[in-house]
C-alpha atoms as a PDB file:
ATOM      1  CA  MET A   1       1.624 -12.688 -13.733  1.00  0.00           C
ATOM      2  CA  ASN A   2       4.310 -12.792 -11.088  1.00  0.00           C
ATOM      3  CA  LEU A   3       3.945 -10.085  -8.421  1.00  0.00           C
ATOM      4  CA  PHE A   4       7.740  -9.741  -8.139  1.00  0.00           C
ATOM      5  CA  GLN A   5       8.442  -9.258 -11.861  1.00  0.00           C
ATOM      6  CA  ASN A   6       8.010  -6.473 -14.423  1.00  0.00           C
ATOM      7  CA  ILE A   7       9.047  -3.738 -12.018  1.00  0.00           C
ATOM      8  CA  PRO A   8      10.748  -0.772 -13.705  1.00  0.00           C
ATOM      9  CA  ALA A   9      14.386  -0.192 -12.712  1.00  0.00           C
ATOM     10  CA  GLU A  10      13.561   3.442 -11.923  1.00  0.00           C
ATOM     11  CA  LEU A  11      10.461   4.417  -9.956  1.00  0.00           C
ATOM     12  CA  PRO A  12      10.141   8.215  -9.995  1.00  0.00           C
ATOM     13  CA  GLU A  13       6.568   7.721  -8.739  1.00  0.00           C
ATOM     14  CA  GLU A  14       4.871   4.928  -6.852  1.00  0.00           C
ATOM     15  CA  LEU A  15       3.564   2.242  -9.234  1.00  0.00           C
ATOM     16  CA  SER A  16      -0.042   1.133  -8.780  1.00  0.00           C
ATOM     17  CA  GLU A  17      -1.563  -1.521 -11.038  1.00  0.00           C
ATOM     18  CA  THR A  18      -5.077  -2.963 -10.956  1.00  0.00           C
ATOM     19  CA  LEU A  19      -4.792  -6.745 -11.199  1.00  0.00           C
ATOM     20  CA  LEU A  20      -8.487  -7.595 -10.913  1.00  0.00           C
ATOM     21  CA  GLU A  21     -11.681  -5.587 -10.708  1.00  0.00           C
ATOM     22  CA  ALA A  22     -15.184  -6.914 -10.104  1.00  0.00           C
ATOM     23  CA  LYS A  23     -18.445  -5.532  -8.762  1.00  0.00           C
ATOM     24  CA  TYR A  24     -17.452  -5.364  -5.076  1.00  0.00           C
ATOM     25  CA  VAL A  25     -13.673  -5.869  -5.125  1.00  0.00           C
ATOM     26  CA  ARG A  26     -10.517  -4.429  -6.670  1.00  0.00           C
ATOM     27  CA  ILE A  27      -7.044  -5.906  -6.236  1.00  0.00           C
ATOM     28  CA  GLU A  28      -3.958  -3.765  -6.802  1.00  0.00           C
ATOM     29  CA  ARG A  29      -0.221  -4.298  -6.749  1.00  0.00           C
ATOM     30  CA  ILE A  30       1.538  -1.218  -5.392  1.00  0.00           C
ATOM     31  CA  VAL A  31       5.311  -0.835  -5.681  1.00  0.00           C
ATOM     32  CA  SER A  32       7.130   1.834  -3.666  1.00  0.00           C
ATOM     33  CA  LYS A  33      10.808   2.659  -3.322  1.00  0.00           C
ATOM     34  CA  GLY A  34      11.248   5.395  -0.761  1.00  0.00           C
ATOM     35  CA  HIS A  35       7.781   6.762  -1.576  1.00  0.00           C
ATOM     36  CA  CYS A  36       5.372   7.979   1.079  1.00  0.00           C
ATOM     37  CA  SER A  37       2.185   9.978   1.410  1.00  0.00           C
ATOM     38  CA  PRO A  38       2.670  13.709   0.779  1.00  0.00           C
ATOM     39  CA  GLU A  39       3.354  15.671   3.976  1.00  0.00           C
ATOM     40  CA  GLY A  40       0.127  16.423   5.830  1.00  0.00           C
ATOM     41  CA  SER A  41      -2.097  14.387   3.498  1.00  0.00           C
ATOM     42  CA  TRP A  42      -4.295  11.427   4.438  1.00  0.00           C
ATOM     43  CA  TYR A  43      -6.103   8.759   2.454  1.00  0.00           C
ATOM     44  CA  ASP A  44      -9.837   8.749   3.209  1.00  0.00           C
ATOM     45  CA  GLN A  45     -11.431   6.088   1.023  1.00  0.00           C
ATOM     46  CA  ASP A  46     -15.056   5.133   0.424  1.00  0.00           C
ATOM     47  CA  GLU A  47     -14.197   1.424   0.498  1.00  0.00           C
ATOM     48  CA  ASP A  48     -12.522  -0.922   2.966  1.00  0.00           C
ATOM     49  CA  GLU A  49      -8.918  -1.907   2.199  1.00  0.00           C
ATOM     50  CA  TRP A  50      -6.974  -4.964   3.287  1.00  0.00           C
ATOM     51  CA  VAL A  51      -3.232  -4.756   2.636  1.00  0.00           C
ATOM     52  CA  VAL A  52      -0.417  -7.261   2.872  1.00  0.00           C
ATOM     53  CA  LEU A  53       3.227  -6.278   2.591  1.00  0.00           C
ATOM     54  CA  LEU A  54       4.924  -8.826   0.333  1.00  0.00           C
ATOM     55  CA  LYS A  55       8.440  -7.379   0.142  1.00  0.00           C
ATOM     56  CA  GLY A  56      10.358  -4.512   1.730  1.00  0.00           C
ATOM     57  CA  ARG A  57       9.481  -2.430   4.768  1.00  0.00           C
ATOM     58  CA  ALA A  58       7.097   0.441   5.461  1.00  0.00           C
ATOM     59  CA  GLN A  59       5.326   2.381   8.167  1.00  0.00           C
ATOM     60  CA  LEU A  60       1.557   2.715   7.970  1.00  0.00           C
ATOM     61  CA  VAL A  61      -0.037   5.380  10.192  1.00  0.00           C
ATOM     62  CA  ILE A  62      -3.699   5.136  11.178  1.00  0.00           C
ATOM     63  CA  GLU A  63      -4.895   8.584  12.283  1.00  0.00           C
ATOM     64  CA  GLY A  64      -5.443   8.817  16.004  1.00  0.00           C
ATOM     65  CA  VAL A  65      -4.862   5.104  16.503  1.00  0.00           C
ATOM     66  CA  LEU A  66      -1.346   3.820  15.827  1.00  0.00           C
ATOM     67  CA  ALA A  67       1.741   3.650  13.642  1.00  0.00           C
ATOM     68  CA  ILE A  68       2.603   0.193  12.330  1.00  0.00           C
ATOM     69  CA  GLU A  69       6.052  -0.819  11.098  1.00  0.00           C
ATOM     70  CA  MET A  70       5.338  -3.431   8.462  1.00  0.00           C
ATOM     71  CA  GLU A  71       7.563  -6.238   7.212  1.00  0.00           C
ATOM     72  CA  PRO A  72       6.899  -9.007   4.678  1.00  0.00           C
ATOM     73  CA  GLY A  73       3.830 -11.004   5.614  1.00  0.00           C
ATOM     74  CA  ASP A  74       2.264  -8.275   7.772  1.00  0.00           C
ATOM     75  CA  THR A  75      -1.362  -7.409   7.026  1.00  0.00           C
ATOM     76  CA  TYR A  76      -3.757  -4.705   8.105  1.00  0.00           C
ATOM     77  CA  ASN A  77      -7.445  -4.055   7.447  1.00  0.00           C
ATOM     78  CA  ILE A  78      -8.386  -0.400   7.003  1.00  0.00           C
ATOM     79  CA  PRO A  79     -12.121   0.345   7.327  1.00  0.00           C
ATOM     80  CA  ALA A  80     -13.721   2.798   4.907  1.00  0.00           C
ATOM     81  CA  HIS A  81     -13.100   6.431   5.906  1.00  0.00           C
ATOM     82  CA  GLN A  82     -10.372   5.510   8.415  1.00  0.00           C
ATOM     83  CA  ARG A  83      -7.818   8.173   7.597  1.00  0.00           C
ATOM     84  CA  HIS A  84      -4.358   6.721   7.034  1.00  0.00           C
ATOM     85  CA  ARG A  85      -1.041   7.457   5.383  1.00  0.00           C
ATOM     86  CA  VAL A  86       2.215   5.776   4.450  1.00  0.00           C
ATOM     87  CA  GLU A  87       4.892   7.491   6.531  1.00  0.00           C
ATOM     88  CA  TRP A  88       7.844   5.841   4.764  1.00  0.00           C
ATOM     89  CA  THR A  89       8.890   2.907   2.604  1.00  0.00           C
ATOM     90  CA  ASP A  90      12.320   1.336   2.208  1.00  0.00           C
ATOM     91  CA  GLY A  91      14.471   3.509  -0.052  1.00  0.00           C
ATOM     92  CA  ASP A  92      17.054   0.803  -0.764  1.00  0.00           C
ATOM     93  CA  SER A  93      14.766  -1.809  -2.323  1.00  0.00           C
ATOM     94  CA  GLU A  94      11.242  -2.140  -3.641  1.00  0.00           C
ATOM     95  CA  THR A  95       8.361  -2.368  -1.213  1.00  0.00           C
ATOM     96  CA  ILE A  96       5.586  -4.429  -2.764  1.00  0.00           C
ATOM     97  CA  TRP A  97       2.040  -4.259  -1.412  1.00  0.00           C
ATOM     98  CA  LEU A  98      -1.026  -6.244  -2.381  1.00  0.00           C
ATOM     99  CA  ALA A  99      -4.106  -4.142  -1.663  1.00  0.00           C
ATOM    100  CA  ILE A 100      -7.641  -5.509  -1.770  1.00  0.00           C
ATOM    101  CA  PHE A 101     -10.358  -2.859  -1.833  1.00  0.00           C
ATOM    102  CA  TYR A 102     -13.862  -4.126  -1.055  1.00  0.00           C
ATOM    103  CA  GLU A 103     -17.354  -3.050  -0.056  1.00  0.00           C
END
């Protein structure tokens, strides 16, 4: 698999694909194009998440801590139950994330 291929021309919704799943880890490719978290909503996950932005641009907001403008190569580790949201992603081209969820 190539992380930059097999992306639909139209993305009415964010695309999330599980690439690998094992006992304590799950790896996903997430493709956004102008997508963001719904207004007023926050992710609050039971597992830790490490993300790397592979392509595009985005803003990740960590509740009560900071807002991070991300570019290709930027990473961030989100501890379990740290509320966060995606404020915006580039609307002109795909934003491709690799997300590793772990316990």
